[in-house]
Each structure stands twice: as structure tokens, then as C-alpha cells.
């Protein structure tokens, strides 16, 4: 069993003052930083995923901006792998799956943001590729959402997506 920690989109635009703040992202980042430190001590493989929009008119993660950069609390070290993605699924056109196969990774721990987009898409794809997936909910951030006339708070969105992932795609702790 070889494991890897994947940190998804813990980037400046998701924090207060950024273009697309996620509720309680500071707490998420604090939890993510602690998990990252443990992974580094255990010499697990650490992979950082950075989302960048394809247009400088996108609502957030615009190319070449400070908002699209990693948050300093979880900045990658020079010996850690970084993948750039342009879609919610971290496996889509990134080489992530090939890299994990080359390392012999079978087990993934996934953290980051946003739970209802990139965490959800990546976890489902990872399971479809056959990985054993663990999601640490305290290190994942969700944003409030609305569909039709139904408004959901960020904690409700988080609970809905974590419960769905826990049913068939991951161990959620």
C-alpha cells in the first residue's frame, strides 16, 4: 500500500479578500496545514493541485494573478509535485493518474476546496480509477449555494456533499 496526500485548490482567491471567498477557509487551511505537516513527516507522497481559469475575465483563479497562487499556509516545497488543472476534476488532462500509477499509489487522502466542485469531481474520478480514497472533511471547504428558490448554507452544502461521497466513493472522516 502506497499512499499520497492530494491538496486541491487551496489558493488565495478562496480566502477573505480573494475573488471567491469560501466560508471558514482559514480553518480549512489550518487543518490542511496540519495534515500536510504529518504527511511530510511520514514521507508520504504530497501532490498539490492548482486551478487556473482559461480566461483573465473568469470570476476567480485568473491566470497570472495572486489569487490563483497557492495560499502560503500550504505552499508546496520544491520536492513536491504540482499539477495545474483547468476543470474541477483534478485528473482531467493533468497527468495525475499516470503520476500516481508510476509511484505505485493505491490510497489517496484528499483535502481542499471546494467540496461541491473540485473535491467532489476528483474523489469520484479517483474511485472510478480504483483508488482507495479518504476525505478529511475538516480540511475541505464549501461555499453556500442556491438552486431555484432553495438556498443552502455552506455547512449544509458541506454535509450534503460529504454524505454523498461517504455513501460510495470515499471514507469521509
Protein backbone atom coordinates (compact mmCIF):
# COMPACT_ATOMS: atom_id res chain seq x y z
CA UNK A 1 0.00 0.00 0.00
CA UNK A 2 1.46 3.31 -1.09
CA UNK A 3 -0.36 6.49 -0.21
CA UNK A 4 -0.45 10.09 -1.35
CA UNK A 5 -1.92 13.28 0.03
CA UNK A 6 -3.60 15.48 -2.56
CA UNK A 7 -4.27 19.11 -1.70
CA UNK A 8 -6.74 20.67 -4.12
CA UNK A 9 -7.08 24.38 -4.86
CA UNK A 10 -6.05 25.87 -1.53
CA UNK A 11 -5.49 29.15 -3.30
CA UNK A 12 -5.67 32.80 -2.33
CA UNK A 13 -8.94 33.63 -4.13
CA UNK A 14 -10.81 31.32 -1.72
CA UNK A 15 -9.73 33.36 1.32
CA UNK A 16 -11.11 36.60 2.74
CA UNK A 17 -10.11 39.37 0.37
CA UNK A 18 -9.97 36.98 -2.60
CA UNK A 19 -12.36 36.99 -5.53
CA UNK A 20 -14.38 33.91 -4.44
CA UNK A 21 -14.15 33.50 -0.64
CA UNK A 22 -15.14 30.15 0.83
CA UNK A 23 -16.70 30.18 4.29
CA UNK A 24 -14.21 29.42 7.09
CA UNK A 25 -11.37 28.85 4.64
CA UNK A 26 -8.87 29.92 7.30
CA UNK A 27 -9.97 26.98 9.48
CA UNK A 28 -9.84 24.65 6.48
CA UNK A 29 -6.30 25.81 5.69
CA UNK A 30 -5.22 25.38 9.31
CA UNK A 31 -6.45 21.79 9.26
CA UNK A 32 -4.88 21.21 5.83
CA UNK A 33 -1.54 22.59 7.03
CA UNK A 34 -1.54 20.18 9.98
CA UNK A 35 -2.35 17.23 7.69
CA UNK A 36 0.34 18.36 5.26
CA UNK A 37 2.92 18.52 8.06
CA UNK A 38 2.02 14.96 9.13
CA UNK A 39 2.31 13.70 5.54
CA UNK A 40 5.69 15.35 5.15
CA UNK A 41 6.94 13.73 8.37
CA UNK A 42 5.63 10.34 7.26
CA UNK A 43 7.32 10.80 3.87
CA UNK A 44 4.04 10.23 2.06
CA UNK A 45 3.81 11.46 -1.49
CA UNK A 46 2.43 15.01 -1.49
CA UNK A 47 0.70 16.39 -4.55
CA UNK A 48 -0.63 19.92 -4.90
CA UNK A 49 -3.32 20.78 -7.41
CA UNK A 50 -3.72 24.38 -8.58
CA UNK A 51 -6.72 25.52 -10.58
CA UNK A 52 -6.29 28.28 -13.10
CA UNK A 53 -9.07 29.64 -15.28
CA UNK A 54 -8.51 29.75 -19.01
CA UNK A 55 -9.57 33.39 -19.25
CA UNK A 56 -8.49 36.56 -17.49
CA UNK A 57 -12.19 37.51 -17.33
CA UNK A 58 -13.08 34.47 -15.18
CA UNK A 59 -14.68 35.25 -11.80
CA UNK A 60 -11.65 33.86 -9.91
CA UNK A 61 -8.35 31.97 -10.34
CA UNK A 62 -7.46 34.24 -13.23
CA UNK A 63 -4.19 33.35 -14.97
CA UNK A 64 -1.10 35.00 -13.56
CA UNK A 65 -2.85 36.62 -10.59
CA UNK A 66 -2.01 36.44 -6.90
CA UNK A 67 -5.47 34.97 -6.32
CA UNK A 68 -4.56 31.91 -8.38
CA UNK A 69 -1.42 31.23 -6.33
CA UNK A 70 -1.26 28.69 -3.51
CA UNK A 71 -2.09 30.02 -0.06
CA UNK A 72 1.14 30.35 1.94
CA UNK A 73 -0.14 28.04 4.70
CA UNK A 74 0.16 25.02 2.37
CA UNK A 75 2.66 26.18 -0.23
CA UNK A 76 4.41 23.31 -1.98
CA UNK A 77 8.04 22.53 -1.29
CA UNK A 78 10.41 22.12 -4.20
CA UNK A 79 10.35 18.33 -3.79
CA UNK A 80 6.56 18.11 -4.02
CA UNK A 81 4.62 17.58 -7.23
CA UNK A 82 2.30 20.27 -8.57
CA UNK A 83 -0.33 19.81 -11.24
CA UNK A 84 -2.15 22.66 -12.96
CA UNK A 85 -5.75 21.98 -13.90
CA UNK A 86 -8.46 23.89 -15.73
CA UNK A 87 -11.51 21.80 -14.80
CA UNK A 88 -12.97 20.63 -11.45
CA UNK A 89 -11.70 17.04 -11.88
CA UNK A 90 -8.01 17.03 -10.94
CA UNK A 91 -7.44 14.01 -13.19
CA UNK A 92 -8.78 15.70 -16.33
CA UNK A 93 -5.89 16.41 -18.74
CA UNK A 94 -3.31 16.73 -15.95
CA UNK A 95 -1.23 13.57 -15.86
CA UNK A 96 -2.21 12.98 -12.22
CA UNK A 97 -3.38 9.40 -12.79
CA UNK A 98 -0.19 8.44 -14.67
CA UNK A 99 1.94 10.03 -11.96
CA UNK A 100 0.14 8.10 -9.23
CA UNK A 101 0.49 4.87 -11.19
CA UNK A 102 4.21 5.49 -11.67
CA UNK A 103 4.56 5.90 -7.89
CA UNK A 104 2.52 2.77 -7.21
CA UNK A 105 -0.03 4.74 -5.20
CA UNK A 106 -3.16 2.85 -4.19
CA UNK A 107 -4.52 5.05 -1.39
CA UNK A 108 -5.34 8.74 -1.57
CA UNK A 109 -6.17 11.28 1.09
CA UNK A 110 -7.88 14.27 -0.47
CA UNK A 111 -8.36 17.72 1.06
CA UNK A 112 -9.00 21.24 -0.21
CA UNK A 113 -11.76 23.23 -1.85
CA UNK A 114 -14.46 23.47 -2.88
CA UNK A 115 -16.28 20.43 -1.56
CA UNK A 116 -19.16 20.78 -4.00
CA UNK A 117 -16.97 21.16 -7.06
CA UNK A 118 -13.35 20.08 -7.27
CA UNK A 119 -13.30 17.80 -4.21
CA UNK A 120 -16.45 16.02 -5.38
CA UNK A 121 -15.28 15.67 -9.00
CA UNK A 122 -11.80 14.47 -8.05
CA UNK A 123 -12.94 12.00 -5.39
CA UNK A 124 -15.45 10.40 -7.75
CA UNK A 125 -12.86 10.13 -10.53
CA UNK A 126 -10.26 8.71 -8.12
CA UNK A 127 -12.65 5.98 -7.02
CA UNK A 128 -13.54 5.23 -10.64
CA UNK A 129 -9.80 4.76 -11.29
CA UNK A 130 -9.72 2.23 -8.44
CA UNK A 131 -8.02 4.23 -5.70
CA UNK A 132 -8.97 3.82 -2.06
CA UNK A 133 -9.96 7.34 -1.08
CA UNK A 134 -10.14 9.10 2.26
CA UNK A 135 -11.52 12.62 2.54
CA UNK A 136 -10.86 14.67 5.66
CA UNK A 137 -13.92 16.88 5.95
CA UNK A 138 -12.37 19.41 8.34
CA UNK A 139 -9.76 20.18 5.67
CA UNK A 140 -12.34 20.72 2.92
CA UNK A 141 -14.21 23.94 2.35
CA UNK A 142 -17.66 24.52 0.91
CA UNK A 143 -19.43 27.63 -0.28
CA UNK A 144 -23.10 28.42 0.20
CA UNK A 145 -25.23 27.63 -2.84
CA UNK A 146 -28.62 28.18 -4.35
CA UNK A 147 -30.70 26.09 -6.72
CA UNK A 148 -34.01 27.55 -7.77
CA UNK A 149 -35.57 29.01 -4.67
CA UNK A 150 -33.62 26.75 -2.30
CA UNK A 151 -30.73 28.41 -0.52
CA UNK A 152 -28.17 26.29 1.30
CA UNK A 153 -25.65 27.47 3.84
CA UNK A 154 -22.03 26.38 3.48
CA UNK A 155 -22.39 23.83 6.32
CA UNK A 156 -25.45 22.35 4.58
CA UNK A 157 -23.58 22.11 1.28
CA UNK A 158 -20.62 20.53 3.08
CA UNK A 159 -22.85 17.95 4.76
CA UNK A 160 -24.68 17.11 1.54
CA UNK A 161 -21.50 16.53 -0.45
CA UNK A 162 -19.60 14.70 2.29
CA UNK A 163 -22.56 12.38 2.90
CA UNK A 164 -22.83 11.61 -0.81
CA UNK A 165 -19.12 10.85 -1.09
CA UNK A 166 -19.26 8.68 2.02
CA UNK A 167 -22.01 6.50 0.54
CA UNK A 168 -19.98 5.03 -2.29
CA UNK A 169 -16.79 6.92 -3.12
CA UNK A 170 -14.67 7.51 -0.04
CA UNK A 171 -14.14 7.10 3.63
CA UNK A 172 -15.02 10.53 4.98
CA UNK A 173 -13.59 11.43 8.37
